Amino acid sequence: MRRRDLGRLNRFGPHDRQWLRAALRRDMSHASRPAGKFNAGQKLYAAWIAGAVLVMLGTVLLMWFTNLAPLVWRTSATFVHDWLALAMGLVIAGHIAMALMRPESRRGMRTGTVDREWAELEHPLWAEESRNSLDLKDE
């Protein structure tokens, strides 16, 4: 992933708040859900996964190195680790299911390009930003 994309994932702007409000209202109209290259849901998912990986790493270290912590900490780490692994599995399965319903999104993940019309509909702020970029492909 390019450094610029990491910066985009890390920035939460006013359009992201609007996207989240529309998502919570289940408003599916594209006009009420403006998005840059990454929508607010993708940004929250990336942040959650990054945090979950750190928690998983911390809990597995407590479980592996048994002399680092008392038994109650290790037991708690096992509990947190197991339930977080289950939650991550469910969230990842949900994202796979979403990807299966969106062929253009899958193509973008696989090839790095999407149709300009799709980008203008689903990610209008990014399409506007990328008018002269190679990120979008005319077909």
C-alpha atoms as a PDB file:
ATOM      1  CA  MET A   1       0.000   0.000   0.000  1.00  0.00           C
ATOM      2  CA  ARG A   2       1.296   3.401  -0.842  1.00  0.00           C
ATOM      3  CA  ARG A   3       2.102   5.941   1.831  1.00  0.00           C
ATOM      4  CA  ARG A   4      -0.526   8.306   0.413  1.00  0.00           C
ATOM      5  CA  ASP A   5      -3.205   5.627   0.911  1.00  0.00           C
ATOM      6  CA  LEU A   6      -2.177   5.202   4.543  1.00  0.00           C
ATOM      7  CA  GLY A   7      -2.562   8.936   4.979  1.00  0.00           C
ATOM      8  CA  ARG A   8      -6.038   8.782   3.442  1.00  0.00           C
ATOM      9  CA  LEU A   9      -7.025   5.975   5.807  1.00  0.00           C
ATOM     10  CA  ASN A  10      -5.774   8.010   8.754  1.00  0.00           C
ATOM     11  CA  ARG A  11      -7.748  11.195   7.972  1.00  0.00           C
ATOM     12  CA  PHE A  12     -11.362  11.496   9.074  1.00  0.00           C
ATOM     13  CA  GLY A  13     -13.088  14.517   7.539  1.00  0.00           C
ATOM     14  CA  PRO A  14     -16.550  16.111   7.537  1.00  0.00           C
ATOM     15  CA  HIS A  15     -17.616  14.004   4.548  1.00  0.00           C
ATOM     16  CA  ASP A  16     -16.829  10.866   6.587  1.00  0.00           C
ATOM     17  CA  ARG A  17     -19.146  12.015   9.376  1.00  0.00           C
ATOM     18  CA  GLN A  18     -21.858  12.591   6.774  1.00  0.00           C
ATOM     19  CA  TRP A  19     -21.237   9.109   5.334  1.00  0.00           C
ATOM     20  CA  LEU A  20     -21.527   7.518   8.796  1.00  0.00           C
ATOM     21  CA  ARG A  21     -24.754   9.400   9.622  1.00  0.00           C
ATOM     22  CA  ALA A  22     -26.265   8.224   6.332  1.00  0.00           C
ATOM     23  CA  ALA A  23     -25.096   4.660   6.976  1.00  0.00           C
ATOM     24  CA  LEU A  24     -26.643   4.684  10.468  1.00  0.00           C
ATOM     25  CA  ARG A  25     -29.930   5.927   8.957  1.00  0.00           C
ATOM     26  CA  ARG A  26     -29.579   3.206   6.285  1.00  0.00           C
ATOM     27  CA  ASP A  27     -29.796   5.914   3.629  1.00  0.00           C
ATOM     28  CA  MET A  28     -28.422   4.189   0.547  1.00  0.00           C
ATOM     29  CA  SER A  29     -28.551   7.190  -1.805  1.00  0.00           C
ATOM     30  CA  HIS A  30     -25.118   8.031  -3.172  1.00  0.00           C
ATOM     31  CA  ALA A  31     -25.673  11.775  -2.723  1.00  0.00           C
ATOM     32  CA  SER A  32     -25.907  11.411   1.047  1.00  0.00           C
ATOM     33  CA  ARG A  33     -22.805   9.198   1.265  1.00  0.00           C
ATOM     34  CA  PRO A  34     -19.842  11.165  -0.112  1.00  0.00           C
ATOM     35  CA  ALA A  35     -16.572   9.278  -0.025  1.00  0.00           C
ATOM     36  CA  GLY A  36     -12.970   9.779  -0.975  1.00  0.00           C
ATOM     37  CA  LYS A  37     -10.822   6.831  -2.018  1.00  0.00           C
ATOM     38  CA  PHE A  38     -11.835   5.142   1.248  1.00  0.00           C
ATOM     39  CA  ASN A  39     -15.274   5.609   2.769  1.00  0.00           C
ATOM     40  CA  ALA A  40     -15.762   6.086   6.500  1.00  0.00           C
ATOM     41  CA  GLY A  41     -16.618   2.419   7.021  1.00  0.00           C
ATOM     42  CA  GLN A  42     -13.363   1.330   5.407  1.00  0.00           C
ATOM     43  CA  LYS A  43     -11.432   3.784   7.583  1.00  0.00           C
ATOM     44  CA  LEU A  44     -13.079   2.518  10.772  1.00  0.00           C
ATOM     45  CA  TYR A  45     -12.484  -1.094   9.725  1.00  0.00           C
ATOM     46  CA  ALA A  46      -8.786  -0.427   9.060  1.00  0.00           C
ATOM     47  CA  ALA A  47      -8.372   1.290  12.442  1.00  0.00           C
ATOM     48  CA  TRP A  48     -10.240  -1.502  14.246  1.00  0.00           C
ATOM     49  CA  ILE A  49      -8.162  -4.235  12.586  1.00  0.00           C
ATOM     50  CA  ALA A  50      -4.911  -2.386  13.379  1.00  0.00           C
ATOM     51  CA  GLY A  51      -5.932  -2.098  17.032  1.00  0.00           C
ATOM     52  CA  ALA A  52      -7.151  -5.691  17.163  1.00  0.00           C
ATOM     53  CA  VAL A  53      -3.850  -6.978  15.779  1.00  0.00           C
ATOM     54  CA  LEU A  54      -1.973  -5.105  18.508  1.00  0.00           C
ATOM     55  CA  VAL A  55      -4.257  -6.533  21.203  1.00  0.00           C
ATOM     56  CA  MET A  56      -3.855 -10.031  19.718  1.00  0.00           C
ATOM     57  CA  LEU A  57      -0.080  -9.602  19.772  1.00  0.00           C
ATOM     58  CA  GLY A  58      -0.115  -8.453  23.399  1.00  0.00           C
ATOM     59  CA  THR A  59      -2.353 -11.284  24.548  1.00  0.00           C
ATOM     60  CA  VAL A  60      -0.390 -13.959  22.710  1.00  0.00           C
ATOM     61  CA  LEU A  61       2.837 -12.713  24.286  1.00  0.00           C
ATOM     62  CA  LEU A  62       1.269 -13.082  27.726  1.00  0.00           C
ATOM     63  CA  MET A  63       0.151 -16.606  26.832  1.00  0.00           C
ATOM     64  CA  TRP A  64       3.510 -17.686  25.373  1.00  0.00           C
ATOM     65  CA  PHE A  65       5.800 -16.231  28.016  1.00  0.00           C
ATOM     66  CA  THR A  66       4.181 -17.633  31.120  1.00  0.00           C
ATOM     67  CA  ASN A  67       6.759 -16.189  33.513  1.00  0.00           C
ATOM     68  CA  LEU A  68       5.912 -12.584  32.530  1.00  0.00           C
ATOM     69  CA  ALA A  69       2.595 -12.366  34.316  1.00  0.00           C
ATOM     70  CA  PRO A  70       0.525 -14.009  37.041  1.00  0.00           C
ATOM     71  CA  LEU A  71      -2.002 -16.716  36.232  1.00  0.00           C
ATOM     72  CA  VAL A  72      -5.006 -14.372  36.373  1.00  0.00           C
ATOM     73  CA  TRP A  73      -3.442 -12.143  33.686  1.00  0.00           C
ATOM     74  CA  ARG A  74      -2.730 -15.141  31.458  1.00  0.00           C
ATOM     75  CA  THR A  75      -6.274 -16.435  31.932  1.00  0.00           C
ATOM     76  CA  SER A  76      -7.672 -13.003  31.070  1.00  0.00           C
ATOM     77  CA  ALA A  77      -5.374 -12.770  28.049  1.00  0.00           C
ATOM     78  CA  THR A  78      -6.658 -16.134  26.816  1.00  0.00           C
ATOM     79  CA  PHE A  79     -10.263 -14.956  27.205  1.00  0.00           C
ATOM     80  CA  VAL A  80      -9.631 -11.665  25.369  1.00  0.00           C
ATOM     81  CA  HIS A  81      -7.561 -13.373  22.671  1.00  0.00           C
ATOM     82  CA  ASP A  82     -10.192 -16.028  21.950  1.00  0.00           C
ATOM     83  CA  TRP A  83     -13.150 -13.658  21.803  1.00  0.00           C
ATOM     84  CA  LEU A  84     -11.273 -11.077  19.754  1.00  0.00           C
ATOM     85  CA  ALA A  85     -10.206 -13.789  17.300  1.00  0.00           C
ATOM     86  CA  LEU A  86     -13.879 -14.789  16.938  1.00  0.00           C
ATOM     87  CA  ALA A  87     -14.921 -11.161  16.408  1.00  0.00           C
ATOM     88  CA  MET A  88     -12.172 -10.635  13.825  1.00  0.00           C
ATOM     89  CA  GLY A  89     -13.210 -13.801  12.003  1.00  0.00           C
ATOM     90  CA  LEU A  90     -16.837 -12.639  11.832  1.00  0.00           C
ATOM     91  CA  VAL A  91     -15.892  -9.159  10.646  1.00  0.00           C
ATOM     92  CA  ILE A  92     -13.526 -10.533   7.995  1.00  0.00           C
ATOM     93  CA  ALA A  93     -16.200 -12.994   6.820  1.00  0.00           C
ATOM     94  CA  GLY A  94     -18.623 -10.072   6.536  1.00  0.00           C
ATOM     95  CA  HIS A  95     -16.150  -8.133   4.432  1.00  0.00           C
ATOM     96  CA  ILE A  96     -15.605 -11.123   2.170  1.00  0.00           C
ATOM     97  CA  ALA A  97     -19.376 -11.412   1.739  1.00  0.00           C
ATOM     98  CA  MET A  98     -19.578  -7.699   0.875  1.00  0.00           C
ATOM     99  CA  ALA A  99     -16.779  -8.098  -1.671  1.00  0.00           C
ATOM    100  CA  LEU A 100     -18.569 -11.025  -3.293  1.00  0.00           C
ATOM    101  CA  MET A 101     -21.581  -8.771  -3.919  1.00  0.00           C
ATOM    102  CA  ARG A 102     -19.483  -6.026  -5.562  1.00  0.00           C
ATOM    103  CA  PRO A 103     -17.575  -7.185  -8.654  1.00  0.00           C
ATOM    104  CA  GLU A 104     -16.155  -3.738  -9.450  1.00  0.00           C
ATOM    105  CA  SER A 105     -14.725  -3.452  -5.936  1.00  0.00           C
ATOM    106  CA  ARG A 106     -13.096  -6.865  -6.312  1.00  0.00           C
ATOM    107  CA  ARG A 107     -11.610  -5.831  -9.630  1.00  0.00           C
ATOM    108  CA  GLY A 108     -10.224  -2.679  -8.035  1.00  0.00           C
ATOM    109  CA  MET A 109      -8.597  -4.703  -5.243  1.00  0.00           C
ATOM    110  CA  ARG A 110      -7.193  -7.197  -7.721  1.00  0.00           C
ATOM    111  CA  THR A 111      -5.964  -4.897 -10.487  1.00  0.00           C
ATOM    112  CA  GLY A 112      -5.686  -1.467  -8.860  1.00  0.00           C
ATOM    113  CA  THR A 113      -8.045   0.168 -11.365  1.00  0.00           C
ATOM    114  CA  VAL A 114     -11.791   0.784 -11.499  1.00  0.00           C
ATOM    115  CA  ASP A 115     -14.167   2.212 -14.077  1.00  0.00           C
ATOM    116  CA  ARG A 116     -14.524   5.974 -13.932  1.00  0.00           C
ATOM    117  CA  GLU A 117     -18.343   5.725 -13.790  1.00  0.00           C
ATOM    118  CA  TRP A 118     -18.181   3.408 -10.764  1.00  0.00           C
ATOM    119  CA  ALA A 119     -15.721   5.687  -8.985  1.00  0.00           C
ATOM    120  CA  GLU A 120     -17.852   8.763  -9.667  1.00  0.00           C
ATOM    121  CA  LEU A 121     -20.896   6.971  -8.228  1.00  0.00           C
ATOM    122  CA  GLU A 122     -19.345   5.216  -5.213  1.00  0.00           C
ATOM    123  CA  HIS A 123     -16.368   7.482  -4.357  1.00  0.00           C
ATOM    124  CA  PRO A 124     -17.142  10.885  -5.912  1.00  0.00           C
ATOM    125  CA  LEU A 125     -14.572  12.885  -3.934  1.00  0.00           C
ATOM    126  CA  TRP A 126     -11.795  10.524  -4.994  1.00  0.00           C
ATOM    127  CA  ALA A 127     -12.990  10.530  -8.624  1.00  0.00           C
ATOM    128  CA  GLU A 128     -12.890  14.314  -8.624  1.00  0.00           C
ATOM    129  CA  GLU A 129      -9.396  14.285  -7.111  1.00  0.00           C
ATOM    130  CA  SER A 130      -8.185  11.672  -9.594  1.00  0.00           C
ATOM    131  CA  ARG A 131      -9.581  13.073 -12.841  1.00  0.00           C
ATOM    132  CA  ASN A 132      -6.150  13.036 -14.498  1.00  0.00           C
ATOM    133  CA  SER A 133      -4.715  10.107 -12.547  1.00  0.00           C
ATOM    134  CA  LEU A 134      -4.050   6.561 -13.714  1.00  0.00           C
ATOM    135  CA  ASP A 135      -6.053   5.233 -10.730  1.00  0.00           C
ATOM    136  CA  LEU A 136      -9.239   5.372 -12.822  1.00  0.00           C
ATOM    137  CA  LYS A 137      -9.649   3.610 -16.131  1.00  0.00           C
ATOM    138  CA  ASP A 138     -12.121   4.612 -18.847  1.00  0.00           C
ATOM    139  CA  GLU A 139     -13.987   1.727 -20.438  1.00  0.00           C
END
